[in-house]
Amino acid sequence: MKEAEAVIQEISSLILTWEPKLLELNDEFLGAGKNKQNRTIKQILGHLIDSTSNNTHRVIHLQYQKSPSG
C-alpha cells in the first residue's frame, strides 16, 4: 500500500502544480495551434483525458476477472 500512497501523492502534486497553469490558458490559444494531424491543443488534451479514463476503467475491470482473457 505504501507504493500506492506514493503514487497518489505524486499525482496530487502534479495536479496542484499543473492545474493553475492550464487554467491560465485561454480558449483562443487552446484552439488556435494545430499539430501535424490538424489537432488543436484542446483536442489533444481531451483525447488524453478520454484515454486515461478508458484505461483506468480497463485496469479496474481486469482486477475482477479470473484470467486476462475473461
C-alpha atoms as a PDB file:
ATOM      1  CA  MET A   1       0.000   0.000   0.000  1.00  0.00           C
ATOM      2  CA  LYS A   2       2.933   2.352   0.540  1.00  0.00           C
ATOM      3  CA  GLU A   3       3.654   2.278  -3.191  1.00  0.00           C
ATOM      4  CA  ALA A   4       0.063   3.238  -3.974  1.00  0.00           C
ATOM      5  CA  GLU A   5       0.208   6.079  -1.454  1.00  0.00           C
ATOM      6  CA  ALA A   6       3.408   7.362  -3.072  1.00  0.00           C
ATOM      7  CA  VAL A   7       1.768   7.286  -6.498  1.00  0.00           C
ATOM      8  CA  ILE A   8      -1.297   9.086  -5.171  1.00  0.00           C
ATOM      9  CA  GLN A   9       0.905  11.745  -3.587  1.00  0.00           C
ATOM     10  CA  GLU A  10       2.844  12.239  -6.829  1.00  0.00           C
ATOM     11  CA  ILE A  11      -0.354  12.544  -8.887  1.00  0.00           C
ATOM     12  CA  SER A  12      -1.777  15.011  -6.365  1.00  0.00           C
ATOM     13  CA  SER A  13       1.418  17.043  -6.545  1.00  0.00           C
ATOM     14  CA  LEU A  14       1.291  17.110 -10.349  1.00  0.00           C
ATOM     15  CA  ILE A  15      -2.323  18.249 -10.280  1.00  0.00           C
ATOM     16  CA  LEU A  16      -1.552  21.037  -7.813  1.00  0.00           C
ATOM     17  CA  THR A  17       1.363  22.159  -9.997  1.00  0.00           C
ATOM     18  CA  TRP A  18      -0.300  21.986 -13.398  1.00  0.00           C
ATOM     19  CA  GLU A  19      -3.954  22.857 -12.772  1.00  0.00           C
ATOM     20  CA  PRO A  20      -3.313  26.599 -12.240  1.00  0.00           C
ATOM     21  CA  LYS A  21      -1.030  26.725 -15.282  1.00  0.00           C
ATOM     22  CA  LEU A  22      -3.614  25.022 -17.508  1.00  0.00           C
ATOM     23  CA  LEU A  23      -6.434  27.216 -16.203  1.00  0.00           C
ATOM     24  CA  GLU A  24      -4.452  30.303 -17.241  1.00  0.00           C
ATOM     25  CA  LEU A  25      -4.504  29.247 -20.892  1.00  0.00           C
ATOM     26  CA  ASN A  26      -7.258  30.984 -22.843  1.00  0.00           C
ATOM     27  CA  ASP A  27      -9.598  29.300 -25.320  1.00  0.00           C
ATOM     28  CA  GLU A  28      -8.119  31.213 -28.246  1.00  0.00           C
ATOM     29  CA  PHE A  29      -4.674  29.773 -27.554  1.00  0.00           C
ATOM     30  CA  LEU A  30      -6.017  26.271 -26.927  1.00  0.00           C
ATOM     31  CA  GLY A  31      -7.998  26.259 -30.172  1.00  0.00           C
ATOM     32  CA  ALA A  32      -5.535  28.025 -32.449  1.00  0.00           C
ATOM     33  CA  GLY A  33      -2.429  25.873 -32.736  1.00  0.00           C
ATOM     34  CA  LYS A  34      -2.588  22.695 -34.734  1.00  0.00           C
ATOM     35  CA  ASN A  35      -0.186  19.785 -34.901  1.00  0.00           C
ATOM     36  CA  LYS A  36       0.756  17.655 -37.927  1.00  0.00           C
ATOM     37  CA  GLN A  37      -2.532  15.757 -37.539  1.00  0.00           C
ATOM     38  CA  ASN A  38      -4.507  19.021 -37.621  1.00  0.00           C
ATOM     39  CA  ARG A  39      -5.498  18.725 -33.948  1.00  0.00           C
ATOM     40  CA  THR A  40      -5.692  21.654 -31.546  1.00  0.00           C
ATOM     41  CA  ILE A  41      -4.246  21.628 -28.038  1.00  0.00           C
ATOM     42  CA  LYS A  42      -7.783  21.368 -26.676  1.00  0.00           C
ATOM     43  CA  GLN A  43      -8.487  18.295 -28.849  1.00  0.00           C
ATOM     44  CA  ILE A  44      -5.221  16.631 -27.832  1.00  0.00           C
ATOM     45  CA  LEU A  45      -5.880  17.272 -24.137  1.00  0.00           C
ATOM     46  CA  GLY A  46      -9.430  15.931 -24.493  1.00  0.00           C
ATOM     47  CA  HIS A  47      -8.079  12.800 -26.172  1.00  0.00           C
ATOM     48  CA  LEU A  48      -5.550  12.264 -23.362  1.00  0.00           C
ATOM     49  CA  ILE A  49      -8.242  12.656 -20.698  1.00  0.00           C
ATOM     50  CA  ASP A  50     -10.558  10.256 -22.544  1.00  0.00           C
ATOM     51  CA  SER A  51      -7.771   7.691 -22.969  1.00  0.00           C
ATOM     52  CA  THR A  52      -6.852   7.947 -19.288  1.00  0.00           C
ATOM     53  CA  SER A  53     -10.455   7.372 -18.274  1.00  0.00           C
ATOM     54  CA  ASN A  54     -10.828   4.367 -20.575  1.00  0.00           C
ATOM     55  CA  ASN A  55      -7.544   2.803 -19.471  1.00  0.00           C
ATOM     56  CA  THR A  56      -8.360   3.296 -15.781  1.00  0.00           C
ATOM     57  CA  HIS A  57     -11.686   1.548 -16.344  1.00  0.00           C
ATOM     58  CA  ARG A  58      -9.927  -1.345 -18.082  1.00  0.00           C
ATOM     59  CA  VAL A  59      -7.383  -1.800 -15.292  1.00  0.00           C
ATOM     60  CA  ILE A  60     -10.070  -1.800 -12.609  1.00  0.00           C
ATOM     61  CA  HIS A  61     -12.254  -4.174 -14.631  1.00  0.00           C
ATOM     62  CA  LEU A  62      -9.343  -6.591 -15.208  1.00  0.00           C
ATOM     63  CA  GLN A  63      -8.702  -6.836 -11.470  1.00  0.00           C
ATOM     64  CA  TYR A  64     -12.029  -8.607 -11.032  1.00  0.00           C
ATOM     65  CA  GLN A  65     -11.589 -11.164 -13.823  1.00  0.00           C
ATOM     66  CA  LYS A  66     -10.337 -14.686 -13.125  1.00  0.00           C
ATOM     67  CA  SER A  67      -7.936 -14.544 -16.067  1.00  0.00           C
ATOM     68  CA  PRO A  68      -6.788 -11.888 -18.541  1.00  0.00           C
ATOM     69  CA  SER A  69      -8.927 -13.431 -21.286  1.00  0.00           C
ATOM     70  CA  GLY A  70     -12.125 -13.035 -19.326  1.00  0.00           C
END
